[in-house]
N, C-alpha and C. Protein backbone atom coordinates (compact mmCIF):
# COMPACT_ATOMS: atom_id res chain seq x y z
N MET A 1 -46.95 60.17 -96.13
CA MET A 1 -47.42 59.08 -95.30
C MET A 1 -46.35 58.73 -94.27
N MET A 2 -46.83 58.23 -93.16
CA MET A 2 -45.91 57.82 -92.11
C MET A 2 -45.55 56.35 -92.29
N LYS A 3 -44.35 56.02 -91.97
CA LYS A 3 -43.91 54.63 -92.07
C LYS A 3 -44.10 53.94 -90.72
N VAL A 4 -44.31 52.65 -90.76
CA VAL A 4 -44.48 51.86 -89.56
C VAL A 4 -43.15 51.79 -88.83
N LYS A 5 -43.20 52.05 -87.51
CA LYS A 5 -41.99 52.03 -86.70
C LYS A 5 -41.96 50.71 -85.92
N ASN A 6 -40.93 49.93 -86.11
CA ASN A 6 -40.77 48.68 -85.39
C ASN A 6 -40.04 48.94 -84.08
N ALA A 7 -40.82 49.33 -83.08
CA ALA A 7 -40.26 49.65 -81.76
C ALA A 7 -41.21 49.12 -80.69
N PRO A 8 -40.74 49.04 -79.46
CA PRO A 8 -41.64 48.59 -78.39
C PRO A 8 -42.79 49.58 -78.19
N ALA A 9 -43.92 49.08 -77.71
CA ALA A 9 -45.10 49.92 -77.49
C ALA A 9 -44.79 51.01 -76.46
N ASN A 10 -45.28 52.19 -76.72
CA ASN A 10 -45.06 53.33 -75.84
C ASN A 10 -46.40 54.03 -75.65
N SER A 11 -46.84 54.17 -74.38
CA SER A 11 -48.14 54.79 -74.12
C SER A 11 -48.10 56.30 -74.27
N GLY A 12 -46.93 56.89 -74.36
CA GLY A 12 -46.82 58.34 -74.48
C GLY A 12 -47.17 59.02 -73.16
N ASN A 13 -47.57 60.27 -73.23
CA ASN A 13 -47.91 60.97 -72.00
C ASN A 13 -49.39 61.31 -71.94
N LEU A 14 -50.24 60.60 -72.67
CA LEU A 14 -51.66 60.86 -72.62
C LEU A 14 -52.31 60.34 -71.35
N LEU A 15 -51.82 59.24 -70.83
CA LEU A 15 -52.46 58.62 -69.68
C LEU A 15 -51.77 58.93 -68.36
N LYS A 16 -50.67 59.62 -68.40
CA LYS A 16 -49.97 59.99 -67.17
C LYS A 16 -49.37 61.39 -67.35
N PRO A 17 -49.20 62.12 -66.26
CA PRO A 17 -48.64 63.47 -66.38
C PRO A 17 -47.19 63.45 -66.83
N SER A 18 -46.77 64.52 -67.46
CA SER A 18 -45.39 64.63 -67.91
C SER A 18 -44.45 64.77 -66.73
N SER A 19 -43.18 64.49 -66.96
CA SER A 19 -42.19 64.63 -65.90
C SER A 19 -41.96 66.10 -65.58
N GLU A 20 -41.22 66.38 -64.53
CA GLU A 20 -41.10 67.72 -63.94
C GLU A 20 -40.75 68.85 -64.90
N PRO A 21 -39.73 68.81 -65.71
CA PRO A 21 -39.45 70.01 -66.50
C PRO A 21 -40.38 70.21 -67.69
N HIS A 22 -41.22 69.24 -68.01
CA HIS A 22 -42.07 69.33 -69.19
C HIS A 22 -43.54 69.55 -68.87
N ARG A 23 -43.87 69.84 -67.61
CA ARG A 23 -45.26 70.02 -67.22
C ARG A 23 -45.80 71.36 -67.70
N ILE A 24 -47.13 71.42 -67.81
CA ILE A 24 -47.80 72.66 -68.18
C ILE A 24 -48.19 73.37 -66.89
N TYR A 25 -47.81 74.62 -66.77
CA TYR A 25 -48.10 75.40 -65.58
C TYR A 25 -49.20 76.39 -65.86
N GLY A 26 -49.90 76.80 -64.83
CA GLY A 26 -50.92 77.84 -64.98
C GLY A 26 -52.32 77.26 -64.97
N GLU A 27 -53.28 78.13 -65.22
CA GLU A 27 -54.69 77.78 -65.19
C GLU A 27 -55.16 77.38 -66.58
N THR A 28 -56.28 76.68 -66.62
CA THR A 28 -56.88 76.36 -67.90
C THR A 28 -57.66 77.56 -68.42
N ILE A 29 -58.02 77.54 -69.69
CA ILE A 29 -58.77 78.65 -70.27
C ILE A 29 -60.16 78.73 -69.66
N LEU A 30 -60.83 77.59 -69.56
CA LEU A 30 -62.18 77.56 -69.00
C LEU A 30 -62.10 77.18 -67.53
N PRO A 31 -62.70 77.98 -66.66
CA PRO A 31 -62.67 77.62 -65.24
C PRO A 31 -63.58 76.43 -64.95
N VAL A 32 -63.31 75.75 -63.87
CA VAL A 32 -64.14 74.62 -63.45
C VAL A 32 -65.47 75.19 -62.98
N PRO A 33 -66.61 74.73 -63.53
CA PRO A 33 -67.89 75.29 -63.12
C PRO A 33 -68.21 74.98 -61.66
N SER A 34 -68.78 75.96 -60.99
CA SER A 34 -69.14 75.78 -59.58
C SER A 34 -70.44 74.98 -59.48
N ARG A 35 -70.79 74.64 -58.27
CA ARG A 35 -72.03 73.89 -58.03
C ARG A 35 -73.25 74.70 -58.46
N LYS A 36 -73.24 76.00 -58.20
CA LYS A 36 -74.37 76.85 -58.58
C LYS A 36 -74.50 76.91 -60.10
N THR A 37 -73.38 76.98 -60.81
CA THR A 37 -73.42 77.02 -62.27
C THR A 37 -73.97 75.71 -62.82
N LYS A 38 -73.54 74.59 -62.27
CA LYS A 38 -74.05 73.29 -62.72
C LYS A 38 -75.56 73.18 -62.48
N MET A 39 -76.02 73.63 -61.33
CA MET A 39 -77.44 73.58 -61.02
C MET A 39 -78.23 74.49 -61.95
N ALA A 40 -77.69 75.65 -62.29
CA ALA A 40 -78.37 76.57 -63.20
C ALA A 40 -78.48 75.95 -64.59
N ILE A 41 -77.44 75.28 -65.05
CA ILE A 41 -77.48 74.62 -66.36
C ILE A 41 -78.51 73.50 -66.36
N ILE A 42 -78.53 72.70 -65.32
CA ILE A 42 -79.50 71.60 -65.23
C ILE A 42 -80.92 72.15 -65.17
N ALA A 43 -81.13 73.22 -64.41
CA ALA A 43 -82.46 73.84 -64.33
C ALA A 43 -82.87 74.39 -65.68
N GLY A 44 -81.97 75.02 -66.40
CA GLY A 44 -82.28 75.55 -67.72
C GLY A 44 -82.65 74.46 -68.70
N ILE A 45 -81.91 73.36 -68.67
CA ILE A 45 -82.22 72.23 -69.56
C ILE A 45 -83.58 71.64 -69.19
N GLY A 46 -83.85 71.51 -67.90
CA GLY A 46 -85.14 70.98 -67.45
C GLY A 46 -86.29 71.88 -67.86
N LEU A 47 -86.14 73.18 -67.69
CA LEU A 47 -87.19 74.11 -68.09
C LEU A 47 -87.39 74.10 -69.60
N GLY A 48 -86.31 74.02 -70.35
CA GLY A 48 -86.42 73.96 -71.80
C GLY A 48 -87.14 72.71 -72.28
N LEU A 49 -86.80 71.57 -71.70
CA LEU A 49 -87.47 70.32 -72.08
C LEU A 49 -88.95 70.33 -71.70
N SER A 50 -89.26 70.85 -70.50
CA SER A 50 -90.66 70.90 -70.10
C SER A 50 -91.45 71.86 -71.00
N TYR A 51 -90.85 72.96 -71.42
CA TYR A 51 -91.50 73.89 -72.35
C TYR A 51 -91.76 73.22 -73.69
N MET A 52 -90.78 72.47 -74.17
CA MET A 52 -90.95 71.77 -75.44
C MET A 52 -92.06 70.73 -75.35
N LEU A 53 -92.13 69.99 -74.25
CA LEU A 53 -93.19 69.00 -74.06
C LEU A 53 -94.55 69.67 -73.96
N PHE A 54 -94.61 70.78 -73.26
CA PHE A 54 -95.87 71.52 -73.12
C PHE A 54 -96.36 72.01 -74.48
N LYS A 55 -95.46 72.55 -75.29
CA LYS A 55 -95.82 73.03 -76.62
C LYS A 55 -96.25 71.87 -77.53
N ALA A 56 -95.57 70.73 -77.41
CA ALA A 56 -95.92 69.57 -78.23
C ALA A 56 -97.31 69.07 -77.88
N ASN A 57 -97.67 69.09 -76.60
CA ASN A 57 -98.99 68.64 -76.16
C ASN A 57 -100.06 69.63 -76.59
N SER A 58 -99.76 70.92 -76.62
CA SER A 58 -100.76 71.91 -77.01
C SER A 58 -101.04 71.85 -78.51
N TYR A 59 -100.09 71.40 -79.32
CA TYR A 59 -100.31 71.28 -80.76
C TYR A 59 -101.22 70.09 -81.07
N LYS A 60 -101.20 69.07 -80.24
CA LYS A 60 -102.00 67.88 -80.48
C LYS A 60 -103.49 68.16 -80.27
N LYS A 61 -103.85 69.14 -79.48
CA LYS A 61 -105.25 69.42 -79.16
C LYS A 61 -105.94 70.17 -80.23
């Protein structure tokens, strides 16, 4: 177990970037999705939901 530390509050480096020698360099593992990729994902979700609604309505008949 960890013991309680009686020290002033410290926000750490979660809310602000690290100082110069401690920064992370390079690219992230996952690239930032482009506008076309975002639109394709939204279109796929929309088509999937409309298909599910269509199938749900056909079962009711």
